C-alpha atoms as a PDB file:
ATOM      1  CA  MET A   1      -4.533 -26.085 -11.096  1.00  0.00           C
ATOM      2  CA  THR A   2      -0.903 -25.187 -11.473  1.00  0.00           C
ATOM      3  CA  LYS A   3       1.091 -25.143  -8.413  1.00  0.00           C
ATOM      4  CA  PRO A   4       3.980 -22.558  -7.976  1.00  0.00           C
ATOM      5  CA  VAL A   5       7.463 -24.104  -8.237  1.00  0.00           C
ATOM      6  CA  PRO A   6      10.498 -23.152  -6.137  1.00  0.00           C
ATOM      7  CA  ASP A   7      11.616 -19.591  -6.856  1.00  0.00           C
ATOM      8  CA  THR A   8      14.684 -19.248  -9.118  1.00  0.00           C
ATOM      9  CA  THR A   9      16.597 -15.933  -8.150  1.00  0.00           C
ATOM     10  CA  TYR A  10      18.921 -13.877 -10.218  1.00  0.00           C
ATOM     11  CA  ALA A  11      20.624 -10.823  -8.720  1.00  0.00           C
ATOM     12  CA  ASP A  12      23.210  -8.148  -9.545  1.00  0.00           C
ATOM     13  CA  SER A  13      23.736  -8.991 -13.066  1.00  0.00           C
ATOM     14  CA  GLU A  14      25.674  -6.598 -15.250  1.00  0.00           C
ATOM     15  CA  ASN A  15      22.167  -5.281 -16.455  1.00  0.00           C
ATOM     16  CA  THR A  16      20.508  -4.615 -13.194  1.00  0.00           C
ATOM     17  CA  MET A  17      20.837  -4.437  -9.347  1.00  0.00           C
ATOM     18  CA  ALA A  18      17.290  -5.835  -8.945  1.00  0.00           C
ATOM     19  CA  PHE A  19      16.471  -9.188  -7.630  1.00  0.00           C
ATOM     20  CA  ILE A  20      14.446 -11.329  -9.895  1.00  0.00           C
ATOM     21  CA  GLN A  21      12.283 -14.273  -8.813  1.00  0.00           C
ATOM     22  CA  ARG A  22      10.455 -16.515 -11.122  1.00  0.00           C
ATOM     23  CA  ILE A  23       7.348 -17.580  -9.165  1.00  0.00           C
ATOM     24  CA  ILE A  24       6.099 -19.883 -11.831  1.00  0.00           C
ATOM     25  CA  PRO A  25       6.990 -19.849 -15.551  1.00  0.00           C
ATOM     26  CA  GLY A  26       5.794 -16.580 -16.888  1.00  0.00           C
ATOM     27  CA  VAL A  27       5.289 -14.824 -13.468  1.00  0.00           C
ATOM     28  CA  CYS A  28       8.407 -12.850 -12.366  1.00  0.00           C
ATOM     29  CA  LYS A  29       8.855 -10.776  -9.101  1.00  0.00           C
ATOM     30  CA  ILE A  30      11.261  -7.803  -9.769  1.00  0.00           C
ATOM     31  CA  GLN A  31      12.482  -6.417  -6.228  1.00  0.00           C
ATOM     32  CA  LEU A  32      13.704  -2.814  -6.566  1.00  0.00           C
ATOM     33  CA  SER A  33      15.786  -1.010  -4.013  1.00  0.00           C
ATOM     34  CA  MET A  34      14.590   2.502  -2.631  1.00  0.00           C
ATOM     35  CA  PRO A  35      16.562   4.850  -0.389  1.00  0.00           C
ATOM     36  CA  PHE A  36      13.606   4.973   2.326  1.00  0.00           C
ATOM     37  CA  ARG A  37      12.851   3.240   5.617  1.00  0.00           C
ATOM     38  CA  MET A  38      10.993   0.782   3.547  1.00  0.00           C
ATOM     39  CA  ASP A  39      14.054   0.040   1.248  1.00  0.00           C
ATOM     40  CA  HIS A  40      12.685  -1.954  -1.458  1.00  0.00           C
ATOM     41  CA  VAL A  41       9.387  -2.402  -3.608  1.00  0.00           C
ATOM     42  CA  ASN A  42       8.160  -5.514  -5.511  1.00  0.00           C
ATOM     43  CA  VAL A  43       6.739  -5.202  -8.960  1.00  0.00           C
ATOM     44  CA  TYR A  44       5.378  -8.265 -11.146  1.00  0.00           C
ATOM     45  CA  LEU A  45       5.928  -9.150 -14.641  1.00  0.00           C
ATOM     46  CA  LEU A  46       3.321 -11.427 -16.453  1.00  0.00           C
ATOM     47  CA  GLU A  47       5.127 -12.790 -19.492  1.00  0.00           C
ATOM     48  CA  GLY A  48       2.017 -13.412 -21.529  1.00  0.00           C
ATOM     49  CA  SER A  49      -0.111 -11.721 -23.916  1.00  0.00           C
ATOM     50  CA  PRO A  50      -0.437  -8.826 -23.354  1.00  0.00           C
ATOM     51  CA  LEU A  51       3.007  -8.406 -21.557  1.00  0.00           C
ATOM     52  CA  THR A  52       1.867  -6.848 -18.199  1.00  0.00           C
ATOM     53  CA  LEU A  53       3.604  -5.072 -15.497  1.00  0.00           C
ATOM     54  CA  VAL A  54       1.964  -4.697 -12.012  1.00  0.00           C
ATOM     55  CA  ASP A  55       3.216  -1.653 -10.377  1.00  0.00           C
ATOM     56  CA  THR A  56       6.391   0.199 -11.390  1.00  0.00           C
ATOM     57  CA  GLY A  57       8.410   1.437  -8.629  1.00  0.00           C
ATOM     58  CA  PRO A  58       9.205   5.096  -7.913  1.00  0.00           C
ATOM     59  CA  MET A  59      10.676   7.581 -10.292  1.00  0.00           C
ATOM     60  CA  MET A  60      14.030   7.831  -8.786  1.00  0.00           C
ATOM     61  CA  GLU A  61      17.740   7.803  -9.733  1.00  0.00           C
ATOM     62  CA  GLY A  62      18.730   4.029 -10.178  1.00  0.00           C
ATOM     63  CA  VAL A  63      15.263   2.552  -9.767  1.00  0.00           C
ATOM     64  CA  GLU A  64      14.299   3.086 -13.431  1.00  0.00           C
ATOM     65  CA  GLU A  65      17.529   1.689 -14.691  1.00  0.00           C
ATOM     66  CA  ASP A  66      17.316  -1.324 -12.469  1.00  0.00           C
ATOM     67  CA  LEU A  67      13.707  -2.064 -13.528  1.00  0.00           C
ATOM     68  CA  LEU A  68      14.685  -1.668 -17.371  1.00  0.00           C
ATOM     69  CA  GLY A  69      17.705  -3.838 -16.709  1.00  0.00           C
ATOM     70  CA  ALA A  70      15.577  -6.481 -15.164  1.00  0.00           C
ATOM     71  CA  LEU A  71      13.127  -6.463 -17.998  1.00  0.00           C
ATOM     72  CA  ARG A  72      15.970  -6.838 -20.444  1.00  0.00           C
ATOM     73  CA  GLN A  73      17.402  -9.610 -18.393  1.00  0.00           C
ATOM     74  CA  LEU A  74      14.152 -11.342 -18.824  1.00  0.00           C
ATOM     75  CA  GLY A  75      14.339 -10.947 -22.670  1.00  0.00           C
ATOM     76  CA  HIS A  76      11.814  -7.762 -22.754  1.00  0.00           C
ATOM     77  CA  GLU A  77      12.565  -4.263 -23.940  1.00  0.00           C
ATOM     78  CA  PRO A  78      10.613  -1.625 -22.129  1.00  0.00           C
ATOM     79  CA  SER A  79       8.876  -0.819 -25.373  1.00  0.00           C
ATOM     80  CA  HIS A  80       7.319  -4.473 -25.419  1.00  0.00           C
ATOM     81  CA  LEU A  81       5.206  -3.754 -22.479  1.00  0.00           C
ATOM     82  CA  GLU A  82       1.490  -3.880 -23.378  1.00  0.00           C
ATOM     83  CA  ARG A  83      -0.410  -3.300 -20.102  1.00  0.00           C
ATOM     84  CA  ILE A  84       0.569  -1.687 -16.875  1.00  0.00           C
ATOM     85  CA  VAL A  85      -1.693  -2.302 -13.790  1.00  0.00           C
ATOM     86  CA  LEU A  86      -1.502  -0.204 -10.627  1.00  0.00           C
ATOM     87  CA  THR A  87      -2.585  -1.660  -7.374  1.00  0.00           C
ATOM     88  CA  HIS A  88      -2.657   1.779  -5.771  1.00  0.00           C
ATOM     89  CA  THR A  89      -1.287   5.206  -6.281  1.00  0.00           C
ATOM     90  CA  HIS A  90       1.315   5.334  -3.506  1.00  0.00           C
ATOM     91  CA  PRO A  91       4.443   6.748  -5.456  1.00  0.00           C
ATOM     92  CA  ASP A  92       6.688   3.500  -4.766  1.00  0.00           C
ATOM     93  CA  HIS A  93       3.919   1.596  -6.696  1.00  0.00           C
ATOM     94  CA  MET A  94       3.011   4.054  -9.598  1.00  0.00           C
ATOM     95  CA  GLY A  95       5.994   6.504  -9.836  1.00  0.00           C
ATOM     96  CA  LEU A  96       7.352   5.138 -13.177  1.00  0.00           C
ATOM     97  CA  ALA A  97       4.057   4.596 -14.844  1.00  0.00           C
ATOM     98  CA  ALA A  98       4.137   7.751 -16.877  1.00  0.00           C
ATOM     99  CA  GLY A  99       7.517   7.201 -18.283  1.00  0.00           C
ATOM    100  CA  LEU A 100       6.895   3.526 -18.920  1.00  0.00           C
ATOM    101  CA  LYS A 101       3.499   4.309 -20.650  1.00  0.00           C
ATOM    102  CA  GLU A 102       5.249   6.964 -22.862  1.00  0.00           C
ATOM    103  CA  ALA A 103       8.089   4.544 -23.802  1.00  0.00           C
ATOM    104  CA  SER A 104       5.849   1.758 -24.725  1.00  0.00           C
ATOM    105  CA  GLY A 105       2.338   2.906 -25.417  1.00  0.00           C
ATOM    106  CA  ALA A 106       1.164   0.390 -22.879  1.00  0.00           C
ATOM    107  CA  GLU A 107      -2.546   0.564 -21.652  1.00  0.00           C
ATOM    108  CA  LEU A 108      -2.768   1.834 -18.213  1.00  0.00           C
ATOM    109  CA  LEU A 109      -5.194   0.338 -15.720  1.00  0.00           C
ATOM    110  CA  CYS A 110      -5.998   1.416 -12.242  1.00  0.00           C
ATOM    111  CA  HIS A 111      -9.247   1.775  -9.965  1.00  0.00           C
ATOM    112  CA  ARG A 112     -11.383   4.761 -10.786  1.00  0.00           C
ATOM    113  CA  LEU A 113     -10.494   6.579  -7.596  1.00  0.00           C
ATOM    114  CA  ALA A 114      -6.844   6.531  -8.556  1.00  0.00           C
ATOM    115  CA  ALA A 115      -7.535   8.579 -11.624  1.00  0.00           C
ATOM    116  CA  PRO A 116      -7.037  12.051 -10.147  1.00  0.00           C
ATOM    117  CA  LYS A 117      -3.636  11.135  -8.714  1.00  0.00           C
ATOM    118  CA  VAL A 118      -2.735   9.415 -11.874  1.00  0.00           C
ATOM    119  CA  SER A 119      -3.548  12.481 -13.901  1.00  0.00           C
ATOM    120  CA  ASP A 120      -2.060  15.262 -11.533  1.00  0.00           C
ATOM    121  CA  TYR A 121       0.224  13.425  -9.161  1.00  0.00           C
ATOM    122  CA  ARG A 122       1.942  16.587  -7.690  1.00  0.00           C
ATOM    123  CA  GLY A 123      -1.492  18.439  -7.270  1.00  0.00           C
ATOM    124  CA  ALA A 124      -2.946  15.588  -5.598  1.00  0.00           C
ATOM    125  CA  VAL A 125      -0.007  15.129  -3.086  1.00  0.00           C
ATOM    126  CA  MET A 126      -0.087  18.928  -2.268  1.00  0.00           C
ATOM    127  CA  GLU A 127      -3.914  18.569  -1.482  1.00  0.00           C
ATOM    128  CA  GLU A 128      -3.316  15.605   0.773  1.00  0.00           C
ATOM    129  CA  MET A 129      -0.632  17.461   2.663  1.00  0.00           C
ATOM    130  CA  GLU A 130      -2.978  20.531   3.049  1.00  0.00           C
ATOM    131  CA  GLU A 131      -5.698  18.124   4.383  1.00  0.00           C
ATOM    132  CA  LEU A 132      -3.254  16.478   6.899  1.00  0.00           C
ATOM    133  CA  LEU A 133      -2.230  20.100   8.237  1.00  0.00           C
ATOM    134  CA  ARG A 134      -6.059  20.759   8.670  1.00  0.00           C
ATOM    135  CA  LEU A 135      -6.258  17.434  10.601  1.00  0.00           C
ATOM    136  CA  SER A 136      -3.278  18.042  12.700  1.00  0.00           C
ATOM    137  CA  ARG A 137      -5.206  19.708  15.444  1.00  0.00           C
ATOM    138  CA  MET A 138      -7.632  16.873  15.657  1.00  0.00           C
ATOM    139  CA  LEU A 139      -4.841  14.366  16.012  1.00  0.00           C
ATOM    140  CA  GLY A 140      -3.366  16.522  18.794  1.00  0.00           C
ATOM    141  CA  LEU A 141      -0.144  17.039  16.712  1.00  0.00           C
ATOM    142  CA  PRO A 142       1.742  20.200  17.559  1.00  0.00           C
ATOM    143  CA  PRO A 143       2.801  22.424  14.590  1.00  0.00           C
ATOM    144  CA  ASP A 144       6.450  21.825  14.979  1.00  0.00           C
ATOM    145  CA  LEU A 145       5.924  17.988  14.638  1.00  0.00           C
ATOM    146  CA  MET A 146       3.469  18.470  11.794  1.00  0.00           C
ATOM    147  CA  ARG A 147       6.161  20.535   9.918  1.00  0.00           C
ATOM    148  CA  LEU A 148       8.532  17.827  10.401  1.00  0.00           C
ATOM    149  CA  ASN A 149       6.009  15.415   8.895  1.00  0.00           C
ATOM    150  CA  GLN A 150       5.351  17.692   6.087  1.00  0.00           C
ATOM    151  CA  GLU A 151       9.140  17.877   5.233  1.00  0.00           C
ATOM    152  CA  MET A 152       9.156  14.125   5.181  1.00  0.00           C
ATOM    153  CA  MET A 153       6.206  14.183   2.772  1.00  0.00           C
ATOM    154  CA  ASP A 154       7.956  16.590   0.530  1.00  0.00           C
ATOM    155  CA  GLN A 155      10.433  14.000  -0.665  1.00  0.00           C
ATOM    156  CA  TRP A 156       7.473  12.167  -2.360  1.00  0.00           C
ATOM    157  CA  LEU A 157       6.473  15.121  -4.540  1.00  0.00           C
ATOM    158  CA  GLU A 158       9.122  14.500  -7.237  1.00  0.00           C
ATOM    159  CA  VAL A 159       9.073  10.639  -7.413  1.00  0.00           C
ATOM    160  CA  ALA A 160       6.068  10.150  -9.600  1.00  0.00           C
ATOM    161  CA  GLY A 161       5.111  11.559 -13.025  1.00  0.00           C
ATOM    162  CA  SER A 162       1.576  12.302 -14.340  1.00  0.00           C
ATOM    163  CA  THR A 163      -0.224  10.702 -17.121  1.00  0.00           C
ATOM    164  CA  TYR A 164      -3.688   9.264 -17.742  1.00  0.00           C
ATOM    165  CA  ALA A 165      -5.425   5.984 -17.392  1.00  0.00           C
ATOM    166  CA  ASP A 166      -6.702   4.181 -20.421  1.00  0.00           C
ATOM    167  CA  ARG A 167      -9.276   1.944 -18.317  1.00  0.00           C
ATOM    168  CA  LEU A 168     -10.693   2.622 -14.917  1.00  0.00           C
ATOM    169  CA  LEU A 169     -11.618  -0.351 -12.884  1.00  0.00           C
ATOM    170  CA  GLU A 170     -14.324  -0.715 -10.308  1.00  0.00           C
ATOM    171  CA  GLY A 171     -13.478  -4.394  -9.030  1.00  0.00           C
ATOM    172  CA  GLY A 172     -14.848  -7.547 -10.473  1.00  0.00           C
ATOM    173  CA  GLU A 173     -13.537  -7.196 -13.975  1.00  0.00           C
ATOM    174  CA  LEU A 174     -11.636  -9.974 -15.712  1.00  0.00           C
ATOM    175  CA  LEU A 175      -8.396  -8.938 -17.460  1.00  0.00           C
ATOM    176  CA  GLU A 176      -8.177 -11.245 -20.264  1.00  0.00           C
ATOM    177  CA  GLY A 177      -4.781 -12.640 -21.084  1.00  0.00           C
ATOM    178  CA  ASP A 178      -2.926 -15.702 -22.472  1.00  0.00           C
ATOM    179  CA  PRO A 179      -2.214 -17.465 -20.416  1.00  0.00           C
ATOM    180  CA  PHE A 180      -2.577 -15.150 -17.484  1.00  0.00           C
ATOM    181  CA  THR A 181      -6.158 -14.000 -16.959  1.00  0.00           C
ATOM    182  CA  SER A 182      -6.628 -12.071 -13.690  1.00  0.00           C
ATOM    183  CA  ARG A 183      -9.654 -10.955 -11.556  1.00  0.00           C
ATOM    184  CA  VAL A 184      -9.646  -7.384 -10.298  1.00  0.00           C
ATOM    185  CA  ILE A 185     -10.762  -7.180  -6.539  1.00  0.00           C
ATOM    186  CA  TYR A 186     -11.291  -3.711  -4.904  1.00  0.00           C
ATOM    187  CA  THR A 187      -9.636  -3.745  -1.445  1.00  0.00           C
ATOM    188  CA  PRO A 188      -9.778  -0.360   0.088  1.00  0.00           C
ATOM    189  CA  GLY A 189      -7.968   0.361   3.392  1.00  0.00           C
ATOM    190  CA  HIS A 190      -4.215   0.842   2.854  1.00  0.00           C
ATOM    191  CA  SER A 191      -5.460   3.366   0.382  1.00  0.00           C
ATOM    192  CA  LEU A 192      -8.928   4.219  -1.019  1.00  0.00           C
ATOM    193  CA  ASP A 193      -7.899   3.342  -4.484  1.00  0.00           C
ATOM    194  CA  HIS A 194      -6.218  -0.125  -3.736  1.00  0.00           C
ATOM    195  CA  ILE A 195      -6.885  -3.334  -5.846  1.00  0.00           C
ATOM    196  CA  VAL A 196      -5.492  -6.809  -5.838  1.00  0.00           C
ATOM    197  CA  LEU A 197      -5.312  -9.197  -8.844  1.00  0.00           C
ATOM    198  CA  LEU A 198      -6.185 -12.794  -8.387  1.00  0.00           C
ATOM    199  CA  LEU A 199      -4.941 -15.246 -11.098  1.00  0.00           C
ATOM    200  CA  PRO A 200      -7.375 -17.987 -10.541  1.00  0.00           C
ATOM    201  CA  ASP A 201      -5.874 -20.591 -12.857  1.00  0.00           C
ATOM    202  CA  TYR A 202      -2.714 -20.620 -10.930  1.00  0.00           C
ATOM    203  CA  ARG A 203      -4.097 -19.710  -7.395  1.00  0.00           C
ATOM    204  CA  LEU A 204      -1.853 -16.620  -7.081  1.00  0.00           C
ATOM    205  CA  MET A 205      -2.764 -13.255  -5.901  1.00  0.00           C
ATOM    206  CA  VAL A 206      -0.852 -10.109  -6.400  1.00  0.00           C
ATOM    207  CA  THR A 207      -1.647  -8.137  -3.249  1.00  0.00           C
ATOM    208  CA  GLY A 208       0.067  -4.845  -3.540  1.00  0.00           C
ATOM    209  CA  ASP A 209       0.251  -3.285  -0.035  1.00  0.00           C
ATOM    210  CA  LEU A 210      -2.894  -5.109   1.304  1.00  0.00           C
ATOM    211  CA  LEU A 211      -0.945  -8.249   2.483  1.00  0.00           C
ATOM    212  CA  LEU A 212       2.497  -8.087   3.499  1.00  0.00           C
ATOM    213  CA  ASP A 213       4.658 -10.991   5.034  1.00  0.00           C
ATOM    214  CA  LYS A 214       6.183  -9.384   8.068  1.00  0.00           C
ATOM    215  CA  ILE A 215       4.423  -6.138   8.881  1.00  0.00           C
ATOM    216  CA  THR A 216       0.764  -4.760   8.768  1.00  0.00           C
ATOM    217  CA  PRO A 217       0.020  -2.228   6.323  1.00  0.00           C
ATOM    218  CA  ASN A 218      -0.540   1.269   7.767  1.00  0.00           C
ATOM    219  CA  PRO A 219      -4.149   2.302   7.181  1.00  0.00           C
ATOM    220  CA  ASP A 220      -5.062   5.539   5.366  1.00  0.00           C
ATOM    221  CA  ILE A 221      -6.268   8.564   7.074  1.00  0.00           C
ATOM    222  CA  TYR A 222      -8.438  11.182   5.083  1.00  0.00           C
ATOM    223  CA  PRO A 223     -11.053  13.788   5.564  1.00  0.00           C
ATOM    224  CA  GLY A 224     -14.829  12.912   5.702  1.00  0.00           C
ATOM    225  CA  GLU A 225     -17.466  14.602   3.916  1.00  0.00           C
ATOM    226  CA  GLU A 226     -18.305  16.742   6.944  1.00  0.00           C
ATOM    227  CA  GLY A 227     -14.861  17.863   7.496  1.00  0.00           C
ATOM    228  CA  ASP A 228     -14.062  15.116  10.206  1.00  0.00           C
ATOM    229  CA  MET A 229     -11.385  12.614   9.984  1.00  0.00           C
ATOM    230  CA  LEU A 230     -11.706   9.043   8.774  1.00  0.00           C
ATOM    231  CA  SER A 231      -9.498   5.933   8.856  1.00  0.00           C
ATOM    232  CA  GLY A 232      -9.057   3.258   6.398  1.00  0.00           C
ATOM    233  CA  LEU A 233      -8.613   0.488   8.910  1.00  0.00           C
ATOM    234  CA  PRO A 234     -12.287  -0.648   9.021  1.00  0.00           C
ATOM    235  CA  ALA A 235     -12.266  -1.005   5.307  1.00  0.00           C
ATOM    236  CA  PHE A 236      -8.890  -2.787   5.343  1.00  0.00           C
ATOM    237  CA  LEU A 237     -10.017  -5.534   7.914  1.00  0.00           C
ATOM    238  CA  GLU A 238     -13.122  -5.862   5.790  1.00  0.00           C
ATOM    239  CA  SER A 239     -11.079  -6.331   2.584  1.00  0.00           C
ATOM    240  CA  ILE A 240      -8.575  -8.832   3.912  1.00  0.00           C
ATOM    241  CA  THR A 241     -11.468 -10.818   5.649  1.00  0.00           C
ATOM    242  CA  GLY A 242     -13.312 -10.879   2.267  1.00  0.00           C
ATOM    243  CA  LEU A 243     -10.285 -12.757   0.754  1.00  0.00           C
ATOM    244  CA  MET A 244      -9.987 -15.448   3.258  1.00  0.00           C
ATOM    245  CA  ASP A 245     -11.894 -18.159   1.406  1.00  0.00           C
ATOM    246  CA  LEU A 246     -10.322 -17.548  -2.156  1.00  0.00           C
ATOM    247  CA  PRO A 247      -8.446 -20.447  -3.604  1.00  0.00           C
ATOM    248  CA  VAL A 248      -4.932 -18.895  -3.148  1.00  0.00           C
ATOM    249  CA  ILE A 249      -1.906 -20.828  -2.288  1.00  0.00           C
ATOM    250  CA  GLN A 250       0.658 -17.966  -2.954  1.00  0.00           C
ATOM    251  CA  ALA A 251       0.456 -14.146  -2.280  1.00  0.00           C
ATOM    252  CA  LEU A 252       2.694 -11.897  -4.169  1.00  0.00           C
ATOM    253  CA  PRO A 253       3.072  -8.689  -1.997  1.00  0.00           C
ATOM    254  CA  GLY A 254       4.289  -5.240  -2.826  1.00  0.00           C
ATOM    255  CA  HIS A 255       7.122  -5.468  -0.195  1.00  0.00           C
ATOM    256  CA  GLY A 256       8.878  -8.474   1.349  1.00  0.00           C
ATOM    257  CA  ASN A 257       8.818 -12.148   0.538  1.00  0.00           C
ATOM    258  CA  CYS A 258       5.927 -14.024  -1.038  1.00  0.00           C
ATOM    259  CA  ILE A 259       3.523 -15.441   1.311  1.00  0.00           C
ATOM    260  CA  SER A 260       2.655 -19.337   1.309  1.00  0.00           C
ATOM    261  CA  ASP A 261       0.390 -19.517   4.043  1.00  0.00           C
ATOM    262  CA  PHE A 262      -2.320 -16.930   2.826  1.00  0.00           C
ATOM    263  CA  ARG A 263      -5.085 -17.655   5.182  1.00  0.00           C
ATOM    264  CA  GLY A 264      -2.706 -17.958   8.120  1.00  0.00           C
ATOM    265  CA  ARG A 265      -1.293 -14.549   7.407  1.00  0.00           C
ATOM    266  CA  ILE A 266      -4.592 -12.994   7.218  1.00  0.00           C
ATOM    267  CA  ARG A 267      -5.740 -14.688  10.542  1.00  0.00           C
ATOM    268  CA  ASP A 268      -2.471 -13.199  11.969  1.00  0.00           C
ATOM    269  CA  ILE A 269      -3.173  -9.802  10.869  1.00  0.00           C
ATOM    270  CA  LEU A 270      -6.787  -9.825  12.244  1.00  0.00           C
ATOM    271  CA  THR A 271      -5.314 -11.107  15.524  1.00  0.00           C
ATOM    272  CA  HIS A 272      -2.919  -8.382  15.710  1.00  0.00           C
ATOM    273  CA  HIS A 273      -5.530  -5.577  15.254  1.00  0.00           C
ATOM    274  CA  GLU A 274      -7.534  -7.246  17.994  1.00  0.00           C
ATOM    275  CA  GLN A 275      -4.720  -7.432  20.414  1.00  0.00           C
ATOM    276  CA  ARG A 276      -4.071  -3.679  19.618  1.00  0.00           C
ATOM    277  CA  LYS A 277      -7.611  -2.862  20.304  1.00  0.00           C
ATOM    278  CA  ARG A 278      -7.571  -4.563  23.807  1.00  0.00           C
ATOM    279  CA  TYR A 279      -4.247  -2.621  24.582  1.00  0.00           C
ATOM    280  CA  ILE A 280      -5.699   0.706  23.714  1.00  0.00           C
ATOM    281  CA  VAL A 281      -8.756   0.007  26.006  1.00  0.00           C
ATOM    282  CA  ALA A 282      -6.580  -1.155  28.826  1.00  0.00           C
ATOM    283  CA  ASN A 283      -4.248   1.981  28.387  1.00  0.00           C
ATOM    284  CA  LEU A 284      -7.134   4.352  28.619  1.00  0.00           C
ATOM    285  CA  ARG A 285      -8.605   3.130  31.816  1.00  0.00           C
ATOM    286  CA  GLY A 286      -8.422   5.944  34.511  1.00  0.00           C
ATOM    287  CA  ARG A 287      -7.014   8.623  32.081  1.00  0.00           C
ATOM    288  CA  GLU A 288      -7.779  10.721  28.839  1.00  0.00           C
ATOM    289  CA  MET A 289      -5.376  10.693  26.039  1.00  0.00           C
ATOM    290  CA  THR A 290      -5.064  12.476  22.600  1.00  0.00           C
ATOM    291  CA  ILE A 291      -4.263  10.310  19.505  1.00  0.00           C
ATOM    292  CA  LEU A 292      -0.629  11.807  19.562  1.00  0.00           C
ATOM    293  CA  GLU A 293      -0.320  10.731  23.329  1.00  0.00           C
ATOM    294  CA  MET A 294      -1.493   7.102  22.396  1.00  0.00           C
ATOM    295  CA  GLY A 295       0.712   6.960  19.354  1.00  0.00           C
ATOM    296  CA  LEU A 296       3.907   7.964  21.417  1.00  0.00           C
ATOM    297  CA  ASP A 297       2.723   5.286  24.051  1.00  0.00           C
ATOM    298  CA  LEU A 298       2.298   2.668  21.353  1.00  0.00           C
ATOM    299  CA  ILE A 299       5.955   3.521  20.027  1.00  0.00           C
ATOM    300  CA  GLN A 300       7.283   3.008  23.489  1.00  0.00           C
ATOM    301  CA  PHE A 301       5.288  -0.332  23.966  1.00  0.00           C
ATOM    302  CA  VAL A 302       6.705  -1.974  20.636  1.00  0.00           C
ATOM    303  CA  GLN A 303      10.114  -0.295  21.333  1.00  0.00           C
ATOM    304  CA  ALA A 304      10.400   1.686  18.156  1.00  0.00           C
ATOM    305  CA  ASP A 305      12.369   4.886  17.629  1.00  0.00           C
ATOM    306  CA  THR A 306      10.588   8.189  18.039  1.00  0.00           C
ATOM    307  CA  SER A 307      11.187   9.608  14.647  1.00  0.00           C
ATOM    308  CA  PRO A 308       8.627  11.791  13.018  1.00  0.00           C
ATOM    309  CA  ALA A 309       7.766   9.141  10.469  1.00  0.00           C
ATOM    310  CA  ASN A 310       7.122   6.370  13.239  1.00  0.00           C
ATOM    311  CA  ILE A 311       5.101   9.070  15.292  1.00  0.00           C
ATOM    312  CA  PHE A 312       2.802   9.759  12.396  1.00  0.00           C
ATOM    313  CA  LEU A 313       2.429   6.026  11.348  1.00  0.00           C
ATOM    314  CA  ALA A 314       1.664   5.010  14.958  1.00  0.00           C
ATOM    315  CA  MET A 315      -0.958   7.688  15.172  1.00  0.00           C
ATOM    316  CA  ARG A 316      -2.718   6.480  12.005  1.00  0.00           C
ATOM    317  CA  GLU A 317      -2.835   3.123  13.232  1.00  0.00           C
ATOM    318  CA  VAL A 318      -3.996   4.088  16.674  1.00  0.00           C
ATOM    319  CA  PHE A 319      -6.680   6.272  15.267  1.00  0.00           C
ATOM    320  CA  GLY A 320      -8.050   3.395  13.225  1.00  0.00           C
ATOM    321  CA  HIS A 321      -8.443   1.341  16.197  1.00  0.00           C
ATOM    322  CA  LEU A 322     -10.128   4.175  17.931  1.00  0.00           C
ATOM    323  CA  VAL A 323     -12.614   4.518  15.312  1.00  0.00           C
ATOM    324  CA  ILE A 324     -13.686   0.818  15.541  1.00  0.00           C
ATOM    325  CA  LEU A 325     -13.602   1.114  19.340  1.00  0.00           C
ATOM    326  CA  GLU A 326     -15.816   4.119  19.170  1.00  0.00           C
ATOM    327  CA  GLU A 327     -18.327   2.280  17.013  1.00  0.00           C
ATOM    328  CA  GLU A 328     -18.253  -0.613  19.238  1.00  0.00           C
ATOM    329  CA  GLU A 329     -18.873   1.784  22.127  1.00  0.00           C
ATOM    330  CA  LYS A 330     -15.775   0.864  24.073  1.00  0.00           C
ATOM    331  CA  VAL A 331     -14.202   4.193  23.922  1.00  0.00           C
ATOM    332  CA  ILE A 332     -15.734   7.809  24.306  1.00  0.00           C
ATOM    333  CA  ARG A 333     -14.544  10.802  22.164  1.00  0.00           C
ATOM    334  CA  GLU A 334     -14.712  14.389  23.304  1.00  0.00           C
ATOM    335  CA  VAL A 335     -13.740  17.384  21.333  1.00  0.00           C
ATOM    336  CA  ARG A 336     -12.100  20.372  22.969  1.00  0.00           C
ATOM    337  CA  GLU A 337     -10.725  23.262  21.067  1.00  0.00           C
ATOM    338  CA  GLY A 338     -10.565  21.186  17.780  1.00  0.00           C
ATOM    339  CA  THR A 339      -8.517  18.271  19.394  1.00  0.00           C
ATOM    340  CA  TRP A 340      -9.879  14.882  19.987  1.00  0.00           C
ATOM    341  CA  TYR A 341      -9.608  13.385  23.315  1.00  0.00           C
ATOM    342  CA  TYR A 342     -10.532   9.557  24.227  1.00  0.00           C
ATOM    343  CA  HIS A 343     -11.332   7.738  27.541  1.00  0.00           C
ATOM    344  CA  VAL A 344     -13.341   4.837  28.616  1.00  0.00           C
ATOM    345  CA  GLU A 345     -16.118   4.626  31.223  1.00  0.00           C
END
């Protein structure tokens, strides 16, 4: 097996403001800046045959120029791209896919559940926003705060284009390459359409947003078949647990630094969520709370600011823990006038 060598970092050349790290010969991390609270995204170039880009960055002023400049600094014209793989369809990861595909003719691959959003990005985001508005009462979210969150989400409407996928993945496929063959692993939780790529010959894994070095990914929230509300957290925990025994010595995440202690990071995340579950149960003793109230309490506990974005993210995480705790019969949910309330015995 090939062991990763120390990174070589290039930055701020005349061609690009992106940071470039050569993980091993032929595997390059390109870090692109974004004007959001998560201020960067990592995409990865596999310099083999086919020349492959994993994720793309958002369709925003400056980002495309930085990506194209980074490709050229590495000796590749954008038209040389032969394959684009999307780990998931959040716009910071797939925003430039349409333009890059058109410019290069590259084959675009994604999970089959990503196909509707890839083909009609704006329509899919509008539908997601409508569903969140419908679910806001269940969350205990007042209309004014929901409007602020909707305004926050509006910024994502214009940062990705629409195109079509050439190949839809299920998980388990081998993507042949010379020398970089990768195995697709379906890893839902952060989003329903999330995949990671294992490069078994090099013991590397491109993890998208499934595994990050400093923070825990926020779980998805989405409507169930019966009009109720579901969380991606149970699937997320199952996904990362299922990776534990794979022969990975370095994870290449969608944000932050590369992860050398792969199993240790997974254990840390699992411990974090167990601790949060215990905190919620203790906090519910002797009182009843909505998801909003518990989210605000969590923000105060971790000493974060009460911006609409933080409130919504905290609510999503709290709800995921409540789903698991309810299944474990450690909390009880009651519904009154459409709002979900929780307490313990």
